[in-house]
Each structure stands twice: as structure tokens, then as C-alpha cells.
C-alpha atoms as a PDB file:
ATOM      1  CA  UNK A   1      77.907 123.773 207.187  1.00  0.00           C
ATOM      2  CA  UNK A   2      77.558 124.157 203.442  1.00  0.00           C
ATOM      3  CA  UNK A   3      80.622 121.989 202.865  1.00  0.00           C
ATOM      4  CA  UNK A   4      79.241 119.292 205.151  1.00  0.00           C
ATOM      5  CA  UNK A   5      75.908 119.438 203.348  1.00  0.00           C
ATOM      6  CA  UNK A   6      77.612 119.015 199.965  1.00  0.00           C
ATOM      7  CA  UNK A   7      79.659 116.068 201.255  1.00  0.00           C
ATOM      8  CA  UNK A   8      76.551 114.480 202.768  1.00  0.00           C
ATOM      9  CA  UNK A   9      74.636 114.958 199.522  1.00  0.00           C
ATOM     10  CA  UNK A  10      77.522 113.439 197.533  1.00  0.00           C
ATOM     11  CA  UNK A  11      77.679 110.407 199.825  1.00  0.00           C
ATOM     12  CA  UNK A  12      73.906 109.975 199.663  1.00  0.00           C
ATOM     13  CA  UNK A  13      73.855 110.147 195.861  1.00  0.00           C
ATOM     14  CA  UNK A  14      76.825 107.766 195.576  1.00  0.00           C
ATOM     15  CA  UNK A  15      75.168 105.308 197.941  1.00  0.00           C
ATOM     16  CA  UNK A  16      71.873 105.556 196.052  1.00  0.00           C
ATOM     17  CA  UNK A  17      73.602 104.930 192.726  1.00  0.00           C
ATOM     18  CA  UNK A  18      75.404 101.887 194.161  1.00  0.00           C
ATOM     19  CA  UNK A  19      72.162 100.435 195.504  1.00  0.00           C
ATOM     20  CA  UNK A  20      70.414 101.118 192.210  1.00  0.00           C
ATOM     21  CA  UNK A  21      73.216  99.378 190.274  1.00  0.00           C
ATOM     22  CA  UNK A  22      73.034  96.362 192.595  1.00  0.00           C
ATOM     23  CA  UNK A  23      69.240  96.230 192.213  1.00  0.00           C
ATOM     24  CA  UNK A  24      69.545  96.403 188.414  1.00  0.00           C
ATOM     25  CA  UNK A  25      72.117  93.585 188.412  1.00  0.00           C
ATOM     26  CA  UNK A  26      69.943  91.485 190.725  1.00  0.00           C
ATOM     27  CA  UNK A  27      66.899  92.014 188.496  1.00  0.00           C
ATOM     28  CA  UNK A  28      68.833  91.036 185.373  1.00  0.00           C
ATOM     29  CA  UNK A  29      70.294  87.964 187.072  1.00  0.00           C
ATOM     30  CA  UNK A  30      66.831  86.873 188.196  1.00  0.00           C
ATOM     31  CA  UNK A  31      65.623  87.287 184.603  1.00  0.00           C
ATOM     32  CA  UNK A  32      68.425  85.003 183.398  1.00  0.00           C
ATOM     33  CA  UNK A  33      67.718  82.417 186.113  1.00  0.00           C
ATOM     34  CA  UNK A  34      63.974  82.487 185.459  1.00  0.00           C
ATOM     35  CA  UNK A  35      64.499  81.940 181.730  1.00  0.00           C
ATOM     36  CA  UNK A  36      66.715  78.937 182.486  1.00  0.00           C
ATOM     37  CA  UNK A  37      64.137  77.420 184.828  1.00  0.00           C
ATOM     38  CA  UNK A  38      61.302  78.045 182.355  1.00  0.00           C
ATOM     39  CA  UNK A  39      63.276  76.274 179.598  1.00  0.00           C
ATOM     40  CA  UNK A  40      63.550  73.127 181.728  1.00  0.00           C
ATOM     41  CA  UNK A  41      61.082  70.442 180.645  1.00  0.00           C
ATOM     42  CA  UNK A  42      60.201  67.523 182.936  1.00  0.00           C
ATOM     43  CA  UNK A  43      58.122  64.430 182.183  1.00  0.00           C
ATOM     44  CA  UNK A  44      57.458  61.027 183.712  1.00  0.00           C
ATOM     45  CA  UNK A  45      59.182  58.105 182.021  1.00  0.00           C
ATOM     46  CA  UNK A  46      55.878  56.252 182.300  1.00  0.00           C
ATOM     47  CA  UNK A  47      53.221  58.589 180.844  1.00  0.00           C
ATOM     48  CA  UNK A  48      50.734  59.936 183.370  1.00  0.00           C
ATOM     49  CA  UNK A  49      47.406  61.107 181.895  1.00  0.00           C
ATOM     50  CA  UNK A  50      46.305  62.869 185.083  1.00  0.00           C
ATOM     51  CA  UNK A  51      47.981  66.216 184.392  1.00  0.00           C
ATOM     52  CA  UNK A  52      51.120  68.072 183.420  1.00  0.00           C
ATOM     53  CA  UNK A  53      54.215  68.734 185.526  1.00  0.00           C
ATOM     54  CA  UNK A  54      54.220  72.486 186.048  1.00  0.00           C
ATOM     55  CA  UNK A  55      56.914  74.936 187.133  1.00  0.00           C
ATOM     56  CA  UNK A  56      55.881  77.273 189.944  1.00  0.00           C
ATOM     57  CA  UNK A  57      56.085  80.813 188.493  1.00  0.00           C
ATOM     58  CA  UNK A  58      58.569  82.216 191.006  1.00  0.00           C
ATOM     59  CA  UNK A  59      61.619  80.802 192.806  1.00  0.00           C
ATOM     60  CA  UNK A  60      60.910  79.452 196.280  1.00  0.00           C
ATOM     61  CA  UNK A  61      63.767  81.664 197.489  1.00  0.00           C
ATOM     62  CA  UNK A  62      67.048  83.272 196.454  1.00  0.00           C
ATOM     63  CA  UNK A  63      70.399  83.031 198.184  1.00  0.00           C
ATOM     64  CA  UNK A  64      74.093  83.724 197.933  1.00  0.00           C
ATOM     65  CA  UNK A  65      76.943  81.542 199.140  1.00  0.00           C
ATOM     66  CA  UNK A  66      80.147  83.577 199.237  1.00  0.00           C
ATOM     67  CA  UNK A  67      82.413  80.800 200.587  1.00  0.00           C
ATOM     68  CA  UNK A  68      81.501  78.814 197.462  1.00  0.00           C
ATOM     69  CA  UNK A  69      81.697  81.951 195.266  1.00  0.00           C
ATOM     70  CA  UNK A  70      77.976  81.875 194.433  1.00  0.00           C
ATOM     71  CA  UNK A  71      76.979  85.468 193.748  1.00  0.00           C
ATOM     72  CA  UNK A  72      73.303  84.720 193.309  1.00  0.00           C
ATOM     73  CA  UNK A  73      71.253  81.558 193.383  1.00  0.00           C
ATOM     74  CA  UNK A  74      67.601  80.663 192.970  1.00  0.00           C
ATOM     75  CA  UNK A  75      65.637  77.609 194.026  1.00  0.00           C
ATOM     76  CA  UNK A  76      62.807  76.313 191.792  1.00  0.00           C
ATOM     77  CA  UNK A  77      60.055  73.741 192.162  1.00  0.00           C
ATOM     78  CA  UNK A  78      57.910  71.704 189.767  1.00  0.00           C
ATOM     79  CA  UNK A  79      54.602  70.182 190.901  1.00  0.00           C
ATOM     80  CA  UNK A  80      52.170  67.548 189.689  1.00  0.00           C
ATOM     81  CA  UNK A  81      48.647  67.461 191.103  1.00  0.00           C
ATOM     82  CA  UNK A  82      49.678  69.686 193.986  1.00  0.00           C
ATOM     83  CA  UNK A  83      52.818  67.925 195.143  1.00  0.00           C
ATOM     84  CA  UNK A  84      56.500  68.609 194.322  1.00  0.00           C
ATOM     85  CA  UNK A  85      58.178  66.289 191.823  1.00  0.00           C
ATOM     86  CA  UNK A  86      61.484  68.129 191.288  1.00  0.00           C
ATOM     87  CA  UNK A  87      63.703  70.885 192.649  1.00  0.00           C
ATOM     88  CA  UNK A  88      66.414  72.811 190.846  1.00  0.00           C
ATOM     89  CA  UNK A  89      69.085  75.294 191.817  1.00  0.00           C
ATOM     90  CA  UNK A  90      70.242  77.804 189.215  1.00  0.00           C
ATOM     91  CA  UNK A  91      73.449  79.440 190.456  1.00  0.00           C
ATOM     92  CA  UNK A  92      75.609  82.306 189.185  1.00  0.00           C
ATOM     93  CA  UNK A  93      79.269  82.012 190.189  1.00  0.00           C
ATOM     94  CA  UNK A  94      81.967  84.638 190.571  1.00  0.00           C
ATOM     95  CA  UNK A  95      84.418  83.381 187.948  1.00  0.00           C
ATOM     96  CA  UNK A  96      86.367  85.021 185.119  1.00  0.00           C
ATOM     97  CA  UNK A  97      85.719  82.071 182.800  1.00  0.00           C
ATOM     98  CA  UNK A  98      82.169  82.260 181.316  1.00  0.00           C
ATOM     99  CA  UNK A  99      82.094  78.468 181.211  1.00  0.00           C
ATOM    100  CA  UNK A 100      82.393  78.399 185.017  1.00  0.00           C
ATOM    101  CA  UNK A 101      79.721  80.978 185.856  1.00  0.00           C
ATOM    102  CA  UNK A 102      76.413  79.082 185.680  1.00  0.00           C
ATOM    103  CA  UNK A 103      75.537  75.825 187.394  1.00  0.00           C
ATOM    104  CA  UNK A 104      72.369  73.730 187.513  1.00  0.00           C
ATOM    105  CA  UNK A 105      71.688  71.285 190.338  1.00  0.00           C
ATOM    106  CA  UNK A 106      68.566  69.187 189.735  1.00  0.00           C
ATOM    107  CA  UNK A 107      66.969  66.636 192.074  1.00  0.00           C
ATOM    108  CA  UNK A 108      63.931  64.441 191.669  1.00  0.00           C
ATOM    109  CA  UNK A 109      61.286  64.547 194.406  1.00  0.00           C
ATOM    110  CA  UNK A 110      59.061  62.060 192.621  1.00  0.00           C
ATOM    111  CA  UNK A 111      58.118  58.473 193.369  1.00  0.00           C
ATOM    112  CA  UNK A 112      58.299  57.913 189.607  1.00  0.00           C
ATOM    113  CA  UNK A 113      61.349  58.134 187.366  1.00  0.00           C
ATOM    114  CA  UNK A 114      61.749  61.430 185.496  1.00  0.00           C
ATOM    115  CA  UNK A 115      63.059  62.604 182.146  1.00  0.00           C
ATOM    116  CA  UNK A 116      64.465  66.134 182.071  1.00  0.00           C
ATOM    117  CA  UNK A 117      65.572  68.385 179.214  1.00  0.00           C
ATOM    118  CA  UNK A 118      67.133  71.841 179.421  1.00  0.00           C
ATOM    119  CA  UNK A 119      66.919  74.704 176.972  1.00  0.00           C
ATOM    120  CA  UNK A 120      70.628  74.418 176.126  1.00  0.00           C
ATOM    121  CA  UNK A 121      70.273  70.865 174.827  1.00  0.00           C
ATOM    122  CA  UNK A 122      71.293  68.923 177.943  1.00  0.00           C
ATOM    123  CA  UNK A 123      69.112  65.981 178.986  1.00  0.00           C
ATOM    124  CA  UNK A 124      68.986  63.411 181.764  1.00  0.00           C
ATOM    125  CA  UNK A 125      66.903  60.358 182.665  1.00  0.00           C
ATOM    126  CA  UNK A 126      66.619  59.257 186.287  1.00  0.00           C
ATOM    127  CA  UNK A 127      67.589  55.675 187.006  1.00  0.00           C
ATOM    128  CA  UNK A 128      65.352  55.497 190.059  1.00  0.00           C
ATOM    129  CA  UNK A 129      62.664  57.483 191.916  1.00  0.00           C
ATOM    130  CA  UNK A 130      63.802  60.556 193.785  1.00  0.00           C
ATOM    131  CA  UNK A 131      62.235  59.828 197.154  1.00  0.00           C
ATOM    132  CA  UNK A 132      61.420  56.908 199.413  1.00  0.00           C
ATOM    133  CA  UNK A 133      59.245  57.748 202.403  1.00  0.00           C
ATOM    134  CA  UNK A 134      59.830  56.365 205.881  1.00  0.00           C
ATOM    135  CA  UNK A 135      57.247  56.281 208.656  1.00  0.00           C
ATOM    136  CA  UNK A 136      57.765  58.863 211.368  1.00  0.00           C
ATOM    137  CA  UNK A 137      56.298  57.666 214.658  1.00  0.00           C
ATOM    138  CA  UNK A 138      57.935  60.108 217.078  1.00  0.00           C
ATOM    139  CA  UNK A 139      55.520  63.003 216.520  1.00  0.00           C
ATOM    140  CA  UNK A 140      53.026  65.033 218.486  1.00  0.00           C
ATOM    141  CA  UNK A 141      49.714  63.287 219.298  1.00  0.00           C
ATOM    142  CA  UNK A 142      47.851  66.566 218.778  1.00  0.00           C
ATOM    143  CA  UNK A 143      45.093  66.839 216.207  1.00  0.00           C
ATOM    144  CA  UNK A 144      46.641  68.027 212.956  1.00  0.00           C
ATOM    145  CA  UNK A 145      45.106  70.807 210.883  1.00  0.00           C
ATOM    146  CA  UNK A 146      46.404  72.841 207.981  1.00  0.00           C
ATOM    147  CA  UNK A 147      46.894  75.697 210.424  1.00  0.00           C
ATOM    148  CA  UNK A 148      49.042  73.894 213.004  1.00  0.00           C
ATOM    149  CA  UNK A 149      50.798  71.515 210.589  1.00  0.00           C
ATOM    150  CA  UNK A 150      53.748  73.888 209.870  1.00  0.00           C
ATOM    151  CA  UNK A 151      54.648  74.123 213.571  1.00  0.00           C
ATOM    152  CA  UNK A 152      54.264  70.376 214.149  1.00  0.00           C
ATOM    153  CA  UNK A 153      56.302  69.589 211.022  1.00  0.00           C
ATOM    154  CA  UNK A 154      59.022  72.026 212.110  1.00  0.00           C
ATOM    155  CA  UNK A 155      59.203  70.389 215.551  1.00  0.00           C
ATOM    156  CA  UNK A 156      59.601  66.992 213.867  1.00  0.00           C
ATOM    157  CA  UNK A 157      62.249  68.282 211.430  1.00  0.00           C
ATOM    158  CA  UNK A 158      64.346  69.756 214.242  1.00  0.00           C
ATOM    159  CA  UNK A 159      64.852  66.286 215.693  1.00  0.00           C
ATOM    160  CA  UNK A 160      67.070  65.368 212.743  1.00  0.00           C
ATOM    161  CA  UNK A 161      70.719  66.354 212.414  1.00  0.00           C
ATOM    162  CA  UNK A 162      72.785  66.337 209.248  1.00  0.00           C
ATOM    163  CA  UNK A 163      76.558  65.915 209.061  1.00  0.00           C
ATOM    164  CA  UNK A 164      78.265  67.008 205.815  1.00  0.00           C
ATOM    165  CA  UNK A 165      81.690  65.579 204.993  1.00  0.00           C
ATOM    166  CA  UNK A 166      83.795  67.405 202.419  1.00  0.00           C
ATOM    167  CA  UNK A 167      86.233  64.804 201.100  1.00  0.00           C
ATOM    168  CA  UNK A 168      88.408  67.187 199.079  1.00  0.00           C
ATOM    169  CA  UNK A 169      89.304  69.369 202.091  1.00  0.00           C
ATOM    170  CA  UNK A 170      88.893  66.531 204.581  1.00  0.00           C
ATOM    171  CA  UNK A 171      86.466  68.557 206.712  1.00  0.00           C
ATOM    172  CA  UNK A 172      83.127  68.014 208.395  1.00  0.00           C
ATOM    173  CA  UNK A 173      80.285  70.366 209.214  1.00  0.00           C
ATOM    174  CA  UNK A 174      77.026  70.031 211.099  1.00  0.00           C
ATOM    175  CA  UNK A 175      74.509  71.615 208.765  1.00  0.00           C
ATOM    176  CA  UNK A 176      72.257  74.380 210.032  1.00  0.00           C
ATOM    177  CA  UNK A 177      68.520  73.758 210.115  1.00  0.00           C
ATOM    178  CA  UNK A 178      66.653  76.467 208.209  1.00  0.00           C
ATOM    179  CA  UNK A 179      63.664  77.180 210.493  1.00  0.00           C
ATOM    180  CA  UNK A 180      61.237  78.372 207.829  1.00  0.00           C
ATOM    181  CA  UNK A 181      59.861  75.775 205.376  1.00  0.00           C
ATOM    182  CA  UNK A 182      61.237  76.172 201.867  1.00  0.00           C
ATOM    183  CA  UNK A 183      57.892  75.032 200.490  1.00  0.00           C
ATOM    184  CA  UNK A 184      54.462  73.926 201.743  1.00  0.00           C
ATOM    185  CA  UNK A 185      51.795  72.068 199.806  1.00  0.00           C
ATOM    186  CA  UNK A 186      48.538  70.113 199.942  1.00  0.00           C
ATOM    187  CA  UNK A 187      48.087  67.581 197.170  1.00  0.00           C
ATOM    188  CA  UNK A 188      44.835  66.488 195.553  1.00  0.00           C
ATOM    189  CA  UNK A 189      44.490  63.527 197.920  1.00  0.00           C
ATOM    190  CA  UNK A 190      44.644  65.801 200.990  1.00  0.00           C
ATOM    191  CA  UNK A 191      48.200  64.978 202.083  1.00  0.00           C
ATOM    192  CA  UNK A 192      49.834  67.988 203.757  1.00  0.00           C
ATOM    193  CA  UNK A 193      53.550  68.503 203.247  1.00  0.00           C
ATOM    194  CA  UNK A 194      56.453  70.796 203.992  1.00  0.00           C
ATOM    195  CA  UNK A 195      60.017  70.959 202.689  1.00  0.00           C
ATOM    196  CA  UNK A 196      62.830  71.978 205.045  1.00  0.00           C
ATOM    197  CA  UNK A 197      66.435  72.754 204.212  1.00  0.00           C
ATOM    198  CA  UNK A 198      69.715  72.002 205.994  1.00  0.00           C
ATOM    199  CA  UNK A 199      72.612  74.227 204.962  1.00  0.00           C
ATOM    200  CA  UNK A 200      76.011  75.608 205.879  1.00  0.00           C
ATOM    201  CA  UNK A 201      74.663  79.095 205.164  1.00  0.00           C
ATOM    202  CA  UNK A 202      71.383  79.642 203.341  1.00  0.00           C
ATOM    203  CA  UNK A 203      72.130  77.327 200.401  1.00  0.00           C
ATOM    204  CA  UNK A 204      70.489  73.967 201.241  1.00  0.00           C
ATOM    205  CA  UNK A 205      72.623  70.863 200.744  1.00  0.00           C
ATOM    206  CA  UNK A 206      69.922  68.498 202.021  1.00  0.00           C
ATOM    207  CA  UNK A 207      66.145  68.673 201.754  1.00  0.00           C
ATOM    208  CA  UNK A 208      63.741  67.047 204.186  1.00  0.00           C
ATOM    209  CA  UNK A 209      60.149  66.372 203.135  1.00  0.00           C
ATOM    210  CA  UNK A 210      57.712  65.809 205.991  1.00  0.00           C
ATOM    211  CA  UNK A 211      54.126  64.805 205.238  1.00  0.00           C
ATOM    212  CA  UNK A 212      50.923  64.098 207.136  1.00  0.00           C
ATOM    213  CA  UNK A 213      48.318  61.795 205.585  1.00  0.00           C
ATOM    214  CA  UNK A 214      44.879  62.328 207.194  1.00  0.00           C
ATOM    215  CA  UNK A 215      43.442  59.283 205.378  1.00  0.00           C
ATOM    216  CA  UNK A 216      45.413  56.840 207.506  1.00  0.00           C
ATOM    217  CA  UNK A 217      44.334  55.746 210.960  1.00  0.00           C
ATOM    218  CA  UNK A 218      47.650  54.531 212.373  1.00  0.00           C
ATOM    219  CA  UNK A 219      50.998  56.116 211.462  1.00  0.00           C
ATOM    220  CA  UNK A 220      50.048  59.270 209.569  1.00  0.00           C
ATOM    221  CA  UNK A 221      53.468  61.016 209.465  1.00  0.00           C
ATOM    222  CA  UNK A 222      56.317  60.196 207.088  1.00  0.00           C
ATOM    223  CA  UNK A 223      59.576  61.722 205.840  1.00  0.00           C
ATOM    224  CA  UNK A 224      62.014  61.527 202.920  1.00  0.00           C
ATOM    225  CA  UNK A 225      65.436  63.032 202.159  1.00  0.00           C
ATOM    226  CA  UNK A 226      66.889  64.548 198.980  1.00  0.00           C
ATOM    227  CA  UNK A 227      70.533  65.451 198.380  1.00  0.00           C
ATOM    228  CA  UNK A 228      71.674  68.591 196.551  1.00  0.00           C
ATOM    229  CA  UNK A 229      75.429  68.439 197.057  1.00  0.00           C
ATOM    230  CA  UNK A 230      78.389  66.309 195.986  1.00  0.00           C
ATOM    231  CA  UNK A 231      79.470  65.964 199.633  1.00  0.00           C
ATOM    232  CA  UNK A 232      78.751  62.968 201.807  1.00  0.00           C
ATOM    233  CA  UNK A 233      75.671  63.384 203.991  1.00  0.00           C
ATOM    234  CA  UNK A 234      74.784  61.457 207.136  1.00  0.00           C
ATOM    235  CA  UNK A 235      71.423  62.008 208.846  1.00  0.00           C
ATOM    236  CA  UNK A 236      70.712  60.946 212.417  1.00  0.00           C
ATOM    237  CA  UNK A 237      67.486  60.753 214.383  1.00  0.00           C
ATOM    238  CA  UNK A 238      67.584  59.957 218.100  1.00  0.00           C
ATOM    239  CA  UNK A 239      71.344  59.308 217.804  1.00  0.00           C
ATOM    240  CA  UNK A 240      70.808  56.686 215.077  1.00  0.00           C
ATOM    241  CA  UNK A 241      71.821  57.090 211.436  1.00  0.00           C
ATOM    242  CA  UNK A 242      68.674  56.856 209.322  1.00  0.00           C
ATOM    243  CA  UNK A 243      69.931  58.023 205.902  1.00  0.00           C
ATOM    244  CA  UNK A 244      73.263  58.629 204.176  1.00  0.00           C
ATOM    245  CA  UNK A 245      74.640  59.252 200.694  1.00  0.00           C
ATOM    246  CA  UNK A 246      78.280  58.985 199.528  1.00  0.00           C
ATOM    247  CA  UNK A 247      80.642  61.662 198.245  1.00  0.00           C
ATOM    248  CA  UNK A 248      80.592  62.324 194.503  1.00  0.00           C
ATOM    249  CA  UNK A 249      83.650  63.961 192.865  1.00  0.00           C
ATOM    250  CA  UNK A 250      83.113  67.332 191.211  1.00  0.00           C
ATOM    251  CA  UNK A 251      83.234  67.608 187.437  1.00  0.00           C
ATOM    252  CA  UNK A 252      81.627  69.731 184.751  1.00  0.00           C
ATOM    253  CA  UNK A 253      78.739  67.284 184.764  1.00  0.00           C
ATOM    254  CA  UNK A 254      77.558  64.645 187.195  1.00  0.00           C
ATOM    255  CA  UNK A 255      74.617  62.388 186.335  1.00  0.00           C
ATOM    256  CA  UNK A 256      73.431  60.058 189.092  1.00  0.00           C
ATOM    257  CA  UNK A 257      70.478  57.870 190.044  1.00  0.00           C
ATOM    258  CA  UNK A 258      67.988  60.557 191.038  1.00  0.00           C
ATOM    259  CA  UNK A 259      69.885  63.869 190.866  1.00  0.00           C
ATOM    260  CA  UNK A 260      72.430  65.606 188.664  1.00  0.00           C
ATOM    261  CA  UNK A 261      74.392  68.816 188.161  1.00  0.00           C
ATOM    262  CA  UNK A 262      76.306  70.505 185.385  1.00  0.00           C
ATOM    263  CA  UNK A 263      78.095  73.707 184.450  1.00  0.00           C
ATOM    264  CA  UNK A 264      76.659  75.588 181.508  1.00  0.00           C
ATOM    265  CA  UNK A 265      79.030  76.662 178.734  1.00  0.00           C
ATOM    266  CA  UNK A 266      76.932  79.390 177.134  1.00  0.00           C
ATOM    267  CA  UNK A 267      76.708  82.972 178.319  1.00  0.00           C
ATOM    268  CA  UNK A 268      73.172  84.348 178.825  1.00  0.00           C
ATOM    269  CA  UNK A 269      71.774  87.030 176.574  1.00  0.00           C
ATOM    270  CA  UNK A 270      72.543  90.507 177.880  1.00  0.00           C
ATOM    271  CA  UNK A 271      69.816  92.362 176.014  1.00  0.00           C
END
């Protein structure tokens, strides 16, 4: 009995130390990711005197993506007057080369063109707005409130399907709808919105914004799509393709019309 107790105690202590080490690593990684997000500066190309673009203090969520060798990832949002204008992934990769370990993926969610600068000296200017809304007529006729909006928006989002085509491996995948909104908001004009993700795991490759505008009397619902992957995306609604974006080849840096990504060369501080 004593031997069994010693073995059990040893296993418990070993397990506790492993969990503690993993927690410490996760905390340090989050610190690195948060510092990277905080060092990202976003502005409108046409000055807007109505307020600053502000980073939300915490990531909307964290994830891992083992098939893509992402050990830890975080998803960040910037807002202006209560509505999202940009999203960014900060990802830590399992790679022996320090220059292959950190990746940024940035996407505009603004109807205006953005300028973006990162703390490591990188910069990017969008060539076009990040979103273009489309009217959504196939929605529930129920009265919409802030309380029931999330359920109604989710029901509308589930009617879309997203096909991802990976050109390099010549494969296709129907992306999984993430049932919980990534983000919810109410802007200063009273528009209610929610952001949903479509992913192969928990790492969203496509974002769907669904909004309800109570000021309008006719069609009050609308939607817009944002890409966060190099792969080709094709979105269908009621068996009809309503949005698509082409494949973009991977490189250390890709700068496109309304989104971009790049690998960071520098190692984070370990102190």
C-alpha cells in the first residue's frame, strides 16, 4: 500500500509540474502575442475626426491548429465608434527556425481604406475597403431585439456554406461553422452585429459579418465576408455562389487589396 501511495504521489506531482509548465508557457506566449497586437497601429487613409481606432484589450479567442503546426494563436479586434474595423491573427508556429515561428494575418473590416504599421517596422496600406455588405432577405420575420439577435444571426449564418480549396495539395474541404459568435457589437448608430467563423478546426479561414439595422423599414439585414487564408474560398447560399476569392501563393509576406500576412524575423523578448 505504501509503495502504491508513493507511486501515486509521484505521478500526481509529475502531472502537476507538467500542467504548471504548460500554463507558464501559455501565459508567456499570450504576453508575447498581446505585445505584438498592442504595437499594431491602424489609421484611416482619409482622416476621421470622430474618434480613434482602438484595440480591444483582450483577444477574442485563442486557438491551436496542429495540422498547420500552430502551437498557439490569438485573434484580435480593433473598433471605431463601436464597430470592428480590423481583425488580426498572431500565431506561434512549431518550427526550429526562429524566422518561421511567428506569423501575422491582418484583414480589414472597414468600409474605408486603412493604413497599418507594426512594432517591428512593417507597414501596409489597403488598396480598397475591407468589406462590402449585401442585403440578406431570407431571414426571420420576428421582431429583433438585442436579446434575440444572436440566435437569429446564427440561424442566418448557418444557411451559408464555405468550400476551401488548397491548391498546393490539390484538396478541398467544407469548412466547419463555428456556432458561437467570435464577436458581437452595437455601434453608435444602433446597428447590431455579430462575427462568425468558418474553419477546418478552430482557426477561422473565413469570417462572416451579419448585421441588423433597426433604422431601415424594408430590408434590415445584411452580410459581408472577409478572408483570412491564402486558399481559395467559395461561399454558397441556397445552392448559389454568392462570394469567392482566389488562391494566393504562400511567401514570407503577402500584401493584397484588403488583407495581408507576413512571417516575423525577430525573436520575442524572453525576459
